[in-house]
Amino acid sequence: MIIESLLSVETDTLAAEVSAEAGITSGTTVLTLEGELPVQFLSAGDRVITRSGAKVLKSVEVSVLRNAEMIRVSASALGHDRPEADCFIAPGQKILLRDWRAKALYGKDVAMVEARRLCDGDYVRPEAVSEIRLFTLQFDQDEVIYAGGLELACETAKVSA
């Protein structure tokens, strides 16, 4: 099966060899002060709109994964236009939920949930991808950005002493 977007990927239902913890796939639009831009066009210094206001992007890390286990989220699976189109999300990517799912999973009105925890087998499901490009956005502190109709966590890199 081939999915067409700004990035074409070939998918396979076989078990994957690699699992990405977090990241935004190529072609996903991110809300910036310049409007919605595909994540691959972002660079350090760009101002990204977050839940806490416009923040300066410190760095963008790019990874190319092969035979990766990703989570496919169907359009509107998490609410009206959430996401805006079918997309792949890294299994460990945290998504901010503000609906019945947050209440059902955590007993709270708002919850940050890893994509893998949302799998239902139909609209949100694991899928092996032969190759995919992931972008990790870094800010001065943890932020929640607006990307592809979802609210996604961008966590600062953890440094161990």
C-alpha atoms as a PDB file:
ATOM      1  CA  MET A   1       0.000   0.000   0.000  1.00  0.00           C
ATOM      2  CA  ILE A   2       1.361   3.462  -0.837  1.00  0.00           C
ATOM      3  CA  ILE A   3       0.283   6.619   0.997  1.00  0.00           C
ATOM      4  CA  GLU A   4       0.567   9.847  -1.006  1.00  0.00           C
ATOM      5  CA  SER A   5       1.410  13.161   0.664  1.00  0.00           C
ATOM      6  CA  LEU A   6       4.446  15.393   0.576  1.00  0.00           C
ATOM      7  CA  LEU A   7       6.268  12.213   1.562  1.00  0.00           C
ATOM      8  CA  SER A   8       5.452   8.895  -0.075  1.00  0.00           C
ATOM      9  CA  VAL A   9       5.985   5.882   2.132  1.00  0.00           C
ATOM     10  CA  GLU A  10       5.469   2.208   1.502  1.00  0.00           C
ATOM     11  CA  THR A  11       3.765   0.374   4.335  1.00  0.00           C
ATOM     12  CA  ASP A  12       3.745  -3.237   5.302  1.00  0.00           C
ATOM     13  CA  THR A  13       1.800  -5.122   7.976  1.00  0.00           C
ATOM     14  CA  LEU A  14       4.842  -7.201   9.031  1.00  0.00           C
ATOM     15  CA  ALA A  15       6.481  -6.642  12.413  1.00  0.00           C
ATOM     16  CA  ALA A  16       8.813  -3.682  12.416  1.00  0.00           C
ATOM     17  CA  GLU A  17      12.488  -3.666  13.340  1.00  0.00           C
ATOM     18  CA  VAL A  18      12.657  -0.074  14.622  1.00  0.00           C
ATOM     19  CA  SER A  19      10.347   1.923  16.867  1.00  0.00           C
ATOM     20  CA  ALA A  20      10.633   5.706  17.031  1.00  0.00           C
ATOM     21  CA  GLU A  21       9.969   7.275  20.394  1.00  0.00           C
ATOM     22  CA  ALA A  22       8.883  10.733  19.265  1.00  0.00           C
ATOM     23  CA  GLY A  23       8.929  12.968  16.240  1.00  0.00           C
ATOM     24  CA  ILE A  24       6.842  14.576  13.525  1.00  0.00           C
ATOM     25  CA  THR A  25       6.719  13.012  10.073  1.00  0.00           C
ATOM     26  CA  SER A  26       7.720  14.864   6.936  1.00  0.00           C
ATOM     27  CA  GLY A  27       4.799  16.719   5.365  1.00  0.00           C
ATOM     28  CA  THR A  28       3.020  17.465   8.654  1.00  0.00           C
ATOM     29  CA  THR A  29       2.172  21.160   8.848  1.00  0.00           C
ATOM     30  CA  VAL A  30       3.195  23.101  11.958  1.00  0.00           C
ATOM     31  CA  LEU A  31       1.562  26.391  12.991  1.00  0.00           C
ATOM     32  CA  THR A  32       4.124  29.232  12.957  1.00  0.00           C
ATOM     33  CA  LEU A  33       3.965  33.029  12.941  1.00  0.00           C
ATOM     34  CA  GLU A  34       4.411  32.732   9.155  1.00  0.00           C
ATOM     35  CA  GLY A  35       1.362  30.446   8.900  1.00  0.00           C
ATOM     36  CA  GLU A  36       1.207  26.664   8.564  1.00  0.00           C
ATOM     37  CA  LEU A  37       4.488  25.271   7.248  1.00  0.00           C
ATOM     38  CA  PRO A  38       5.534  21.682   6.550  1.00  0.00           C
ATOM     39  CA  VAL A  39       7.847  20.553   9.344  1.00  0.00           C
ATOM     40  CA  GLN A  40      10.706  19.915   6.894  1.00  0.00           C
ATOM     41  CA  PHE A  41      10.815  23.669   6.105  1.00  0.00           C
ATOM     42  CA  LEU A  42      11.396  24.681   9.750  1.00  0.00           C
ATOM     43  CA  SER A  43      14.823  25.675  11.042  1.00  0.00           C
ATOM     44  CA  ALA A  44      16.374  27.065  14.202  1.00  0.00           C
ATOM     45  CA  GLY A  45      15.179  30.613  14.869  1.00  0.00           C
ATOM     46  CA  ASP A  46      11.681  30.131  13.432  1.00  0.00           C
ATOM     47  CA  ARG A  47       8.855  31.226  15.732  1.00  0.00           C
ATOM     48  CA  VAL A  48       6.396  28.396  16.330  1.00  0.00           C
ATOM     49  CA  ILE A  49       2.987  28.915  17.912  1.00  0.00           C
ATOM     50  CA  THR A  50       2.634  26.816  21.057  1.00  0.00           C
ATOM     51  CA  ARG A  51      -0.014  26.542  23.773  1.00  0.00           C
ATOM     52  CA  SER A  52       2.079  29.002  25.792  1.00  0.00           C
ATOM     53  CA  GLY A  53       2.552  31.520  22.955  1.00  0.00           C
ATOM     54  CA  ALA A  54       5.027  32.005  20.106  1.00  0.00           C
ATOM     55  CA  LYS A  55       8.374  30.372  20.926  1.00  0.00           C
ATOM     56  CA  VAL A  56      11.723  30.383  19.142  1.00  0.00           C
ATOM     57  CA  LEU A  57      12.689  26.998  17.728  1.00  0.00           C
ATOM     58  CA  LYS A  58      16.167  26.115  19.053  1.00  0.00           C
ATOM     59  CA  SER A  59      16.955  23.154  16.813  1.00  0.00           C
ATOM     60  CA  VAL A  60      15.501  20.571  14.460  1.00  0.00           C
ATOM     61  CA  GLU A  61      16.816  17.009  14.458  1.00  0.00           C
ATOM     62  CA  VAL A  62      16.093  14.811  11.454  1.00  0.00           C
ATOM     63  CA  SER A  63      16.075  11.007  11.533  1.00  0.00           C
ATOM     64  CA  VAL A  64      15.435   8.601   8.692  1.00  0.00           C
ATOM     65  CA  LEU A  65      14.026   5.315   9.961  1.00  0.00           C
ATOM     66  CA  ARG A  66      13.766   2.097   8.023  1.00  0.00           C
ATOM     67  CA  ASN A  67      11.414  -0.753   8.897  1.00  0.00           C
ATOM     68  CA  ALA A  68       9.914   1.407  11.627  1.00  0.00           C
ATOM     69  CA  GLU A  69       6.835   0.713  13.703  1.00  0.00           C
ATOM     70  CA  MET A  70       4.641   3.812  13.502  1.00  0.00           C
ATOM     71  CA  ILE A  71       1.094   4.626  14.535  1.00  0.00           C
ATOM     72  CA  ARG A  72      -1.306   5.456  11.699  1.00  0.00           C
ATOM     73  CA  VAL A  73      -4.035   7.862  12.796  1.00  0.00           C
ATOM     74  CA  SER A  74      -6.984   8.214  10.421  1.00  0.00           C
ATOM     75  CA  ALA A  75      -8.360  11.671   9.622  1.00  0.00           C
ATOM     76  CA  SER A  76     -10.724  12.928  12.356  1.00  0.00           C
ATOM     77  CA  ALA A  77     -10.076   9.827  14.524  1.00  0.00           C
ATOM     78  CA  LEU A  78      -9.388  12.030  17.555  1.00  0.00           C
ATOM     79  CA  GLY A  79     -12.144  14.583  16.957  1.00  0.00           C
ATOM     80  CA  HIS A  80     -13.312  16.855  14.136  1.00  0.00           C
ATOM     81  CA  ASP A  81     -10.238  17.500  11.931  1.00  0.00           C
ATOM     82  CA  ARG A  82      -7.984  15.910  14.574  1.00  0.00           C
ATOM     83  CA  PRO A  83      -5.863  15.066  12.639  1.00  0.00           C
ATOM     84  CA  GLU A  84      -6.748  16.920   9.464  1.00  0.00           C
ATOM     85  CA  ALA A  85      -5.624  14.004   7.259  1.00  0.00           C
ATOM     86  CA  ASP A  86      -4.384  10.442   7.761  1.00  0.00           C
ATOM     87  CA  CYS A  87      -0.929  10.599   9.301  1.00  0.00           C
ATOM     88  CA  PHE A  88       1.833   8.579  10.873  1.00  0.00           C
ATOM     89  CA  ILE A  89       2.931   9.363  14.414  1.00  0.00           C
ATOM     90  CA  ALA A  90       5.854   7.914  16.339  1.00  0.00           C
ATOM     91  CA  PRO A  91       4.581   5.468  18.985  1.00  0.00           C
ATOM     92  CA  GLY A  92       6.092   7.467  21.851  1.00  0.00           C
ATOM     93  CA  GLN A  93       4.921  10.868  20.552  1.00  0.00           C
ATOM     94  CA  LYS A  94       2.741  12.473  23.212  1.00  0.00           C
ATOM     95  CA  ILE A  95      -0.566  13.961  22.072  1.00  0.00           C
ATOM     96  CA  LEU A  96      -2.610  16.371  24.187  1.00  0.00           C
ATOM     97  CA  LEU A  97      -6.172  15.111  24.514  1.00  0.00           C
ATOM     98  CA  ARG A  98      -9.021  17.246  25.775  1.00  0.00           C
ATOM     99  CA  ASP A  99     -12.033  14.989  25.340  1.00  0.00           C
ATOM    100  CA  TRP A 100     -13.622  11.764  26.566  1.00  0.00           C
ATOM    101  CA  ARG A 101     -10.411   9.836  25.839  1.00  0.00           C
ATOM    102  CA  ALA A 102      -8.534  11.785  28.522  1.00  0.00           C
ATOM    103  CA  LYS A 103     -11.331  11.026  30.958  1.00  0.00           C
ATOM    104  CA  ALA A 104     -11.448   7.332  30.003  1.00  0.00           C
ATOM    105  CA  LEU A 105      -7.679   6.770  30.128  1.00  0.00           C
ATOM    106  CA  TYR A 106      -6.693   9.003  33.046  1.00  0.00           C
ATOM    107  CA  GLY A 107      -9.861  10.253  34.734  1.00  0.00           C
ATOM    108  CA  LYS A 108      -8.932  13.852  33.816  1.00  0.00           C
ATOM    109  CA  ASP A 109     -10.357  16.454  31.446  1.00  0.00           C
ATOM    110  CA  VAL A 110      -6.925  16.943  29.819  1.00  0.00           C
ATOM    111  CA  ALA A 111      -4.150  14.376  29.395  1.00  0.00           C
ATOM    112  CA  MET A 112      -0.870  13.946  27.539  1.00  0.00           C
ATOM    113  CA  VAL A 113      -0.998  10.458  25.992  1.00  0.00           C
ATOM    114  CA  GLU A 114       1.553   8.501  23.967  1.00  0.00           C
ATOM    115  CA  ALA A 115       0.237   7.618  20.506  1.00  0.00           C
ATOM    116  CA  ARG A 116       0.685   3.870  21.148  1.00  0.00           C
ATOM    117  CA  ARG A 117      -1.844   4.090  24.022  1.00  0.00           C
ATOM    118  CA  LEU A 118      -4.557   5.318  21.625  1.00  0.00           C
ATOM    119  CA  CYS A 119      -4.517   2.281  19.318  1.00  0.00           C
ATOM    120  CA  ASP A 120      -7.977   0.842  18.709  1.00  0.00           C
ATOM    121  CA  GLY A 121      -7.140  -1.410  15.750  1.00  0.00           C
ATOM    122  CA  ASP A 122      -9.314   0.503  13.284  1.00  0.00           C
ATOM    123  CA  TYR A 123      -8.815   4.281  13.260  1.00  0.00           C
ATOM    124  CA  VAL A 124      -5.590   4.355  15.259  1.00  0.00           C
ATOM    125  CA  ARG A 125      -3.379   1.365  14.577  1.00  0.00           C
ATOM    126  CA  PRO A 126       0.267   0.271  14.517  1.00  0.00           C
ATOM    127  CA  GLU A 127       1.753  -0.133  11.080  1.00  0.00           C
ATOM    128  CA  ALA A 128       5.207  -0.998   9.789  1.00  0.00           C
ATOM    129  CA  VAL A 129       6.701   1.592   7.450  1.00  0.00           C
ATOM    130  CA  SER A 130       9.615   0.716   5.184  1.00  0.00           C
ATOM    131  CA  GLU A 131      11.135   4.223   5.419  1.00  0.00           C
ATOM    132  CA  ILE A 132      10.072   7.468   7.053  1.00  0.00           C
ATOM    133  CA  ARG A 133      11.679  10.796   7.960  1.00  0.00           C
ATOM    134  CA  LEU A 134      11.049  12.128  11.487  1.00  0.00           C
ATOM    135  CA  PHE A 135      11.685  15.652  12.731  1.00  0.00           C
ATOM    136  CA  THR A 136      12.253  16.414  16.412  1.00  0.00           C
ATOM    137  CA  LEU A 137      11.723  20.057  17.375  1.00  0.00           C
ATOM    138  CA  GLN A 138      13.618  21.471  20.365  1.00  0.00           C
ATOM    139  CA  PHE A 139      12.682  24.543  22.388  1.00  0.00           C
ATOM    140  CA  ASP A 140      14.114  26.060  25.600  1.00  0.00           C
ATOM    141  CA  GLN A 141      11.476  24.184  27.604  1.00  0.00           C
ATOM    142  CA  ASP A 142       8.785  21.571  27.039  1.00  0.00           C
ATOM    143  CA  GLU A 143       6.128  22.890  24.658  1.00  0.00           C
ATOM    144  CA  VAL A 144       2.908  21.747  23.005  1.00  0.00           C
ATOM    145  CA  ILE A 145       2.718  22.683  19.336  1.00  0.00           C
ATOM    146  CA  TYR A 146      -0.107  22.614  16.803  1.00  0.00           C
ATOM    147  CA  ALA A 147       0.746  20.175  14.013  1.00  0.00           C
ATOM    148  CA  GLY A 148      -1.573  18.604  11.458  1.00  0.00           C
ATOM    149  CA  GLY A 149      -4.636  19.431  13.552  1.00  0.00           C
ATOM    150  CA  LEU A 150      -3.166  17.806  16.688  1.00  0.00           C
ATOM    151  CA  GLU A 151      -1.549  19.204  19.800  1.00  0.00           C
ATOM    152  CA  LEU A 152       1.826  17.458  20.065  1.00  0.00           C
ATOM    153  CA  ALA A 153       4.395  17.559  22.857  1.00  0.00           C
ATOM    154  CA  CYS A 154       7.929  18.744  22.119  1.00  0.00           C
ATOM    155  CA  GLU A 155      10.019  17.792  25.125  1.00  0.00           C
ATOM    156  CA  THR A 156      13.463  19.183  25.864  1.00  0.00           C
ATOM    157  CA  ALA A 157      16.334  16.735  25.651  1.00  0.00           C
ATOM    158  CA  LYS A 158      17.083  15.078  28.958  1.00  0.00           C
ATOM    159  CA  VAL A 159      20.685  15.535  30.104  1.00  0.00           C
ATOM    160  CA  SER A 160      22.125  13.095  32.631  1.00  0.00           C
ATOM    161  CA  ALA A 161      24.991  14.039  34.922  1.00  0.00           C
END
